[in-house]
C-alpha cells in the first residue's frame, strides 16, 4: 500500500535543503517536512552529546507529525546520533556519510587522491575514522575541516563571490589541486558551493556529494515497505526552522527554489 504520510528531513541549519531539492526531483509526489536548526548551528563545532540531544528533539517532533521516515540531512548529526535514533524509533532513519566510496571507485582500481571537505566534528567522529580505514590503503585521502563554509550559507553570503572564493582558497590552496582526483562535499551545506568548487578545481577533478545516493536509498527503503506516496498525491515541502526570523525563512525559500 502507498502512504500519504510525510517524510521528515532535518539539518543543523539550511544545508539540508540541498537534499530536499534532490528529494523533490526524484520523489515528486512526497510530502516533505523540513526542519533546520539554525538557532543552534553549526553542529560541526559542538560535542557529540550536544548534537545527539538536538537530533533526538527534532526526530521526536517529526514522529509527532506522523512522519513515515526521517532523513538526517547532515553528516555531523548522522555521525553523532544515527545508531541511537534507530534503536529508539521504528521508522526508517536514513543517515548520510561523505561519499568517499563513490570518489574512490571512480579510479577503477587506480589510486585516487581525494579531499574530503566536512565539518570538524564529522572528521573527528569514529564513523568517519571507520570509513577512512576502508580506503586509505589503496587511496590517498585528505580530510579538510571547513567550518566557515557552513557559516557563509547560514548568513546568506553565497552571493558574495569574492568572499566565497577567498574562503575556498584559504582552505585548499595548500594542496596541489592539479593532482587531486576528486573533492567530496561531506556536508550538505557544501553542495551549494558546487559551482564555486568547479571554478577552483581543474576540469579533471570530480566534485562529489552524497545527496543523490541518500535519496535513492530512501526511495528503495520506502518502496520495499510499500510506503511510497501514491502518484495521485501532490508533493509539497514545508519549511520550518528553530530560528523564526523572516531573514532565515526567506533564505530557506530562496535556497529551495534556486536553480
Protein backbone atom coordinates (compact mmCIF):
# COMPACT_ATOMS: atom_id res chain seq x y z
CA UNK A 1 0.00 0.00 0.00
CA UNK A 2 1.11 3.54 -0.71
CA UNK A 3 1.46 6.06 2.10
CA UNK A 4 0.45 9.71 2.13
CA UNK A 5 2.40 10.32 5.36
CA UNK A 6 5.22 12.90 5.19
CA UNK A 7 8.98 12.41 5.22
CA UNK A 8 10.93 14.37 7.83
CA UNK A 9 14.25 15.88 6.78
CA UNK A 10 16.49 17.81 9.15
CA UNK A 11 19.85 19.52 9.31
CA UNK A 12 21.83 21.74 11.64
CA UNK A 13 20.62 24.67 9.55
CA UNK A 14 19.93 25.31 5.89
CA UNK A 15 22.33 22.86 4.24
CA UNK A 16 19.83 20.01 4.21
CA UNK A 17 17.68 21.99 1.81
CA UNK A 18 20.10 20.73 -0.86
CA UNK A 19 18.86 17.21 0.00
CA UNK A 20 15.24 18.34 -0.13
CA UNK A 21 15.84 19.69 -3.62
CA UNK A 22 17.11 16.27 -4.72
CA UNK A 23 14.21 14.54 -2.96
CA UNK A 24 11.70 16.79 -4.70
CA UNK A 25 13.25 15.99 -8.09
CA UNK A 26 13.39 12.23 -7.57
CA UNK A 27 10.23 11.69 -5.49
CA UNK A 28 7.91 14.49 -6.65
CA UNK A 29 4.78 13.06 -5.02
CA UNK A 30 6.14 13.02 -1.48
CA UNK A 31 5.20 15.48 1.24
CA UNK A 32 8.35 16.73 2.95
CA UNK A 33 8.66 18.33 6.38
CA UNK A 34 11.98 20.15 6.64
CA UNK A 35 13.41 21.35 9.93
CA UNK A 36 16.55 23.44 10.02
CA UNK A 37 18.13 24.04 13.41
CA UNK A 38 19.75 27.36 12.52
CA UNK A 39 19.35 28.67 16.08
CA UNK A 40 21.86 26.00 17.15
CA UNK A 41 24.09 25.96 14.06
CA UNK A 42 26.77 24.95 13.46
CA UNK A 43 26.65 21.36 14.74
CA UNK A 44 30.16 20.71 13.47
CA UNK A 45 31.81 22.53 16.38
CA UNK A 46 29.57 21.05 19.13
CA UNK A 47 30.19 17.93 21.22
CA UNK A 48 28.62 14.62 20.11
CA UNK A 49 26.36 14.64 23.19
CA UNK A 50 25.04 18.09 22.29
CA UNK A 51 24.34 17.02 18.72
CA UNK A 52 22.57 13.85 19.88
CA UNK A 53 20.31 15.81 22.23
CA UNK A 54 19.33 18.23 19.47
CA UNK A 55 18.79 15.40 16.96
CA UNK A 56 16.50 13.46 19.28
CA UNK A 57 14.35 16.52 19.90
CA UNK A 58 13.91 17.07 16.16
CA UNK A 59 13.09 13.45 15.36
CA UNK A 60 10.56 13.40 18.19
CA UNK A 61 8.93 16.42 16.54
CA UNK A 62 8.69 14.52 13.24
CA UNK A 63 7.22 11.44 14.91
CA UNK A 64 4.51 13.59 16.48
CA UNK A 65 3.79 14.94 12.99
CA UNK A 66 3.29 11.40 11.69
CA UNK A 67 6.46 11.06 9.59
CA UNK A 68 6.88 7.69 7.87
CA UNK A 69 10.67 8.13 7.62
CA UNK A 70 13.36 10.59 8.63
CA UNK A 71 16.38 11.71 6.62
CA UNK A 72 19.26 13.10 8.67
CA UNK A 73 20.43 15.56 6.00
CA UNK A 74 23.56 16.30 7.98
CA UNK A 75 26.77 14.28 8.05
CA UNK A 76 27.60 15.60 11.52
CA UNK A 77 24.26 14.61 13.06
CA UNK A 78 24.46 11.22 11.34
CA UNK A 79 27.88 10.56 12.84
CA UNK A 80 26.75 11.53 16.33
CA UNK A 81 23.25 10.09 16.54
CA UNK A 82 22.06 7.75 13.79
CA UNK A 83 22.62 4.49 15.68
CA UNK A 84 20.86 5.70 18.82
CA UNK A 85 17.96 7.12 16.81
CA UNK A 86 17.47 3.80 15.01
CA UNK A 87 17.40 1.99 18.33
CA UNK A 88 14.63 4.22 19.68
CA UNK A 89 12.34 4.68 16.67
CA UNK A 90 10.70 2.05 14.48
CA UNK A 91 10.50 4.16 11.33
CA UNK A 92 13.34 4.24 8.78
CA UNK A 93 16.11 6.66 9.79
CA UNK A 94 18.25 7.44 6.75
CA UNK A 95 21.66 8.92 7.52
CA UNK A 96 24.43 10.41 5.42
CA UNK A 97 28.16 9.98 5.24
CA UNK A 98 30.78 11.53 2.97
CA UNK A 99 30.61 9.83 -0.45
CA UNK A 100 34.18 8.59 -0.25
CA UNK A 101 33.41 5.23 -1.86
CA UNK A 102 31.97 6.93 -4.93
CA UNK A 103 35.10 9.08 -5.24
CA UNK A 104 37.49 6.14 -4.88
CA UNK A 105 35.52 3.85 -7.19
CA UNK A 106 35.91 6.39 -10.00
CA UNK A 107 39.53 5.27 -10.33
CA UNK A 108 38.51 1.73 -11.36
CA UNK A 109 41.43 0.26 -9.47
CA UNK A 110 43.81 3.22 -9.84
CA UNK A 111 44.94 5.02 -6.72
CA UNK A 112 42.89 8.17 -6.14
CA UNK A 113 43.82 11.38 -4.33
CA UNK A 114 40.68 12.66 -2.65
CA UNK A 115 39.96 15.66 -0.43
CA UNK A 116 37.04 15.23 1.97
CA UNK A 117 35.65 18.65 2.89
CA UNK A 118 33.49 18.40 6.01
CA UNK A 119 32.82 19.86 9.44
CA UNK A 120 35.33 19.34 12.27
CA UNK A 121 33.00 17.00 14.18
CA UNK A 122 32.27 14.80 11.17
CA UNK A 123 36.00 14.33 10.61
CA UNK A 124 36.67 13.62 14.31
CA UNK A 125 33.94 11.01 14.81
CA UNK A 126 34.56 7.25 14.85
CA UNK A 127 32.16 6.79 11.94
CA UNK A 128 34.42 8.76 9.61
CA UNK A 129 37.54 7.06 11.00
CA UNK A 130 35.99 3.69 10.11
CA UNK A 131 35.14 4.98 6.64
CA UNK A 132 38.70 6.22 6.15
CA UNK A 133 40.14 2.85 7.16
CA UNK A 134 38.31 1.19 4.27
CA UNK A 135 40.12 3.30 1.68
CA UNK A 136 43.45 4.61 2.97
CA UNK A 137 45.42 1.50 1.98
CA UNK A 138 44.60 1.89 -1.70
CA UNK A 139 43.97 5.64 -1.90
CA UNK A 140 45.30 8.93 -0.52
CA UNK A 141 42.65 10.76 1.49
CA UNK A 142 42.95 14.33 2.77
CA UNK A 143 40.36 15.30 5.43
CA UNK A 144 39.80 19.07 5.36
CA UNK A 145 37.61 20.73 8.01
CA UNK A 146 35.82 23.78 6.57
CA UNK A 147 33.59 25.30 9.30
CA UNK A 148 33.41 28.73 7.68
CA UNK A 149 31.57 27.29 4.68
CA UNK A 150 28.63 26.45 6.95
CA UNK A 151 28.58 29.98 8.34
CA UNK A 152 28.53 31.56 4.88
CA UNK A 153 25.38 29.64 3.89
CA UNK A 154 23.67 30.39 7.20
CA UNK A 155 24.42 34.10 6.93
CA UNK A 156 23.18 34.35 3.35
CA UNK A 157 26.64 35.06 1.97
CA UNK A 158 26.64 32.71 -1.02
CA UNK A 159 26.13 35.62 -3.38
CA UNK A 160 29.43 37.25 -2.37
CA UNK A 161 31.58 35.54 -4.98
CA UNK A 162 34.88 37.12 -3.97
CA UNK A 163 34.40 36.26 -0.31
CA UNK A 164 33.39 32.67 -1.10
CA UNK A 165 36.33 32.11 -3.42
CA UNK A 166 38.70 33.70 -0.90
CA UNK A 167 37.45 31.28 1.75
CA UNK A 168 37.90 28.28 -0.54
CA UNK A 169 41.42 29.39 -1.44
CA UNK A 170 42.23 29.72 2.27
CA UNK A 171 41.27 26.08 2.84
CA UNK A 172 42.50 24.49 -0.38
CA UNK A 173 45.50 26.43 -1.71
CA UNK A 174 47.82 24.27 0.39
CA UNK A 175 47.02 21.30 -1.88
CA UNK A 176 48.45 20.61 -5.30
CA UNK A 177 44.98 20.73 -6.84
CA UNK A 178 46.26 19.60 -10.24
CA UNK A 179 47.00 16.21 -8.65
CA UNK A 180 43.61 15.83 -6.93
CA UNK A 181 41.15 13.38 -8.48
CA UNK A 182 38.06 14.40 -6.52
CA UNK A 183 36.69 16.60 -3.75
CA UNK A 184 33.95 15.02 -1.65
CA UNK A 185 31.44 17.50 -0.24
CA UNK A 186 30.98 15.89 3.17
CA UNK A 187 28.47 18.44 4.45
CA UNK A 188 25.10 19.21 2.88
CA UNK A 189 25.80 22.95 3.20
CA UNK A 190 28.75 22.50 0.87
CA UNK A 191 26.58 21.29 -2.02
CA UNK A 192 25.55 24.91 -2.56
CA UNK A 193 29.21 25.61 -3.43
CA UNK A 194 29.37 23.15 -6.32
CA UNK A 195 29.86 25.85 -8.95
CA UNK A 196 32.49 27.57 -6.79
CA UNK A 197 34.42 24.31 -6.41
CA UNK A 198 34.19 23.79 -10.17
CA UNK A 199 35.82 27.20 -10.59
CA UNK A 200 38.53 26.36 -8.07
CA UNK A 201 39.43 22.89 -9.32
CA UNK A 202 40.93 21.64 -12.58
CA UNK A 203 38.43 20.15 -15.01
CA UNK A 204 39.83 16.68 -14.34
CA UNK A 205 38.81 16.74 -10.65
CA UNK A 206 35.33 15.50 -9.77
CA UNK A 207 33.07 17.22 -7.24
CA UNK A 208 31.02 14.59 -5.43
CA UNK A 209 28.25 14.75 -2.85
CA UNK A 210 26.02 12.14 -1.22
CA UNK A 211 22.61 13.68 -1.87
CA UNK A 212 21.59 11.56 -4.86
CA UNK A 213 22.66 8.34 -3.18
CA UNK A 214 20.82 9.25 0.02
CA UNK A 215 17.56 9.94 -1.79
CA UNK A 216 17.94 6.77 -3.85
CA UNK A 217 18.42 4.77 -0.65
CA UNK A 218 15.33 6.40 0.88
CA UNK A 219 13.32 5.50 -2.21
CA UNK A 220 14.42 1.88 -2.10
CA UNK A 221 13.58 1.58 1.60
CA UNK A 222 10.12 3.13 1.22
CA UNK A 223 9.37 1.03 -1.85
CA UNK A 224 10.36 -2.16 0.00
CA UNK A 225 7.92 -1.23 2.76
CA UNK A 226 5.16 -0.25 0.35
CA UNK A 227 5.28 3.28 1.75
CA UNK A 228 6.00 5.46 -1.29
CA UNK A 229 3.47 8.22 -1.92
CA UNK A 230 0.70 7.49 -4.42
CA UNK A 231 1.12 9.06 -7.86
CA UNK A 232 -2.11 10.96 -7.28
CA UNK A 233 -0.62 12.92 -4.38
CA UNK A 234 0.66 16.43 -4.95
CA UNK A 235 4.10 16.69 -3.43
CA UNK A 236 4.90 19.56 -1.08
CA UNK A 237 7.68 20.98 1.08
CA UNK A 238 7.02 22.59 4.45
CA UNK A 239 9.99 24.60 5.71
CA UNK A 240 10.41 25.12 9.47
CA UNK A 241 13.34 26.42 11.46
CA UNK A 242 14.34 26.89 15.09
CA UNK A 243 15.26 30.47 14.12
CA UNK A 244 11.85 32.05 13.47
CA UNK A 245 13.21 35.22 11.84
CA UNK A 246 11.93 36.44 8.49
CA UNK A 247 15.53 36.53 7.24
CA UNK A 248 16.03 32.79 7.75
CA UNK A 249 12.62 31.95 6.30
CA UNK A 250 13.35 33.98 3.17
CA UNK A 251 16.84 32.48 2.82
CA UNK A 252 15.48 28.95 3.19
CA UNK A 253 12.89 29.54 0.49
CA UNK A 254 15.46 31.07 -1.86
CA UNK A 255 17.79 28.08 -1.41
CA UNK A 256 14.94 25.65 -2.07
CA UNK A 257 13.82 27.46 -5.23
CA UNK A 258 17.30 28.17 -6.63
CA UNK A 259 18.01 26.52 -9.98
